[in-house]
């Protein structure tokens, strides 16, 4: 949301900022100790992990890569990468 710096900032801070930028928009990020990672707040990351595990499970149960690509609307290369990544994780554990 846009706010006028002249109305929300102390005059001394406003003068200091004007040394660097004047008459332009500037984004001031929220003050927080740590940013949430991509997909953590809205559940997207967990949904993709679940989907990828389903893909891996179906592949291990004999479903072919071309069918999985059609089912999940992904390229065959993406399916292979998912399978390889999960297989590699299982070997390392």
Protein backbone atom coordinates (compact mmCIF):
# COMPACT_ATOMS: atom_id res chain seq x y z
CA UNK A 1 0.00 0.00 0.00
CA UNK A 2 1.36 3.39 -0.98
CA UNK A 3 1.96 5.93 1.79
CA UNK A 4 3.35 9.45 1.57
CA UNK A 5 6.73 9.57 3.27
CA UNK A 6 6.13 13.20 4.24
CA UNK A 7 3.22 12.15 6.45
CA UNK A 8 4.60 8.93 7.98
CA UNK A 9 8.33 9.59 8.46
CA UNK A 10 10.02 11.89 10.95
CA UNK A 11 11.42 14.98 9.17
CA UNK A 12 15.04 14.04 9.89
CA UNK A 13 14.61 10.56 8.41
CA UNK A 14 12.78 11.98 5.40
CA UNK A 15 15.68 14.39 4.71
CA UNK A 16 18.16 11.51 4.97
CA UNK A 17 16.18 9.36 2.53
CA UNK A 18 15.91 12.29 0.10
CA UNK A 19 19.70 12.21 -0.21
CA UNK A 20 19.33 8.83 -1.96
CA UNK A 21 15.94 8.96 -3.68
CA UNK A 22 13.40 11.70 -4.42
CA UNK A 23 9.98 11.54 -6.07
CA UNK A 24 10.18 7.79 -6.75
CA UNK A 25 8.57 4.75 -5.21
CA UNK A 26 10.65 2.66 -2.85
CA UNK A 27 9.83 -0.70 -1.30
CA UNK A 28 10.65 -1.08 2.38
CA UNK A 29 10.61 -4.77 3.34
CA UNK A 30 9.01 -6.00 6.54
CA UNK A 31 11.28 -6.33 9.50
CA UNK A 32 11.51 -9.99 10.33
CA UNK A 33 14.17 -12.32 11.60
CA UNK A 34 13.70 -14.97 8.93
CA UNK A 35 11.68 -15.13 5.74
CA UNK A 36 9.53 -18.15 5.15
CA UNK A 37 10.76 -20.28 2.29
CA UNK A 38 8.94 -20.59 -1.00
CA UNK A 39 5.60 -22.36 -0.61
CA UNK A 40 5.78 -22.76 3.18
CA UNK A 41 3.01 -20.34 4.07
CA UNK A 42 0.41 -21.43 1.53
CA UNK A 43 1.07 -25.20 1.55
CA UNK A 44 2.39 -25.38 -2.01
CA UNK A 45 5.67 -26.99 -0.96
CA UNK A 46 3.92 -29.77 0.96
CA UNK A 47 1.53 -30.36 -1.95
CA UNK A 48 4.45 -30.75 -4.38
CA UNK A 49 6.28 -33.13 -2.04
CA UNK A 50 3.14 -35.25 -1.79
CA UNK A 51 2.64 -35.18 -5.57
CA UNK A 52 6.27 -36.14 -6.22
CA UNK A 53 6.04 -39.02 -3.74
CA UNK A 54 2.91 -40.25 -5.54
CA UNK A 55 4.75 -40.08 -8.88
CA UNK A 56 7.67 -42.06 -7.45
CA UNK A 57 5.37 -44.65 -5.88
CA UNK A 58 3.41 -45.13 -9.10
CA UNK A 59 6.64 -45.46 -11.07
CA UNK A 60 7.95 -48.10 -8.63
CA UNK A 61 4.63 -49.95 -9.07
CA UNK A 62 5.19 -50.20 -12.82
CA UNK A 63 3.47 -47.13 -14.24
CA UNK A 64 5.42 -45.87 -17.25
CA UNK A 65 6.97 -42.41 -17.44
CA UNK A 66 4.96 -41.32 -20.49
CA UNK A 67 1.69 -42.13 -18.70
CA UNK A 68 2.81 -40.28 -15.55
CA UNK A 69 3.72 -37.25 -17.66
CA UNK A 70 0.22 -37.16 -19.13
CA UNK A 71 -1.47 -37.77 -15.78
CA UNK A 72 0.41 -35.03 -13.93
CA UNK A 73 0.70 -32.60 -16.88
CA UNK A 74 4.50 -32.63 -16.72
CA UNK A 75 7.17 -33.38 -19.28
CA UNK A 76 8.74 -36.83 -19.31
CA UNK A 77 12.03 -35.15 -18.40
CA UNK A 78 10.42 -33.59 -15.30
CA UNK A 79 9.06 -36.99 -14.26
CA UNK A 80 12.52 -38.52 -14.66
CA UNK A 81 14.06 -35.75 -12.53
CA UNK A 82 11.49 -36.30 -9.77
CA UNK A 83 12.10 -40.07 -9.79
CA UNK A 84 15.89 -39.62 -9.83
CA UNK A 85 15.82 -37.09 -6.98
CA UNK A 86 13.62 -39.22 -4.71
CA UNK A 87 15.58 -42.37 -5.53
CA UNK A 88 18.83 -40.57 -4.70
CA UNK A 89 17.38 -39.38 -1.36
CA UNK A 90 16.31 -42.92 -0.47
CA UNK A 91 19.80 -44.29 -1.25
CA UNK A 92 21.50 -41.63 0.89
CA UNK A 93 19.29 -42.30 3.92
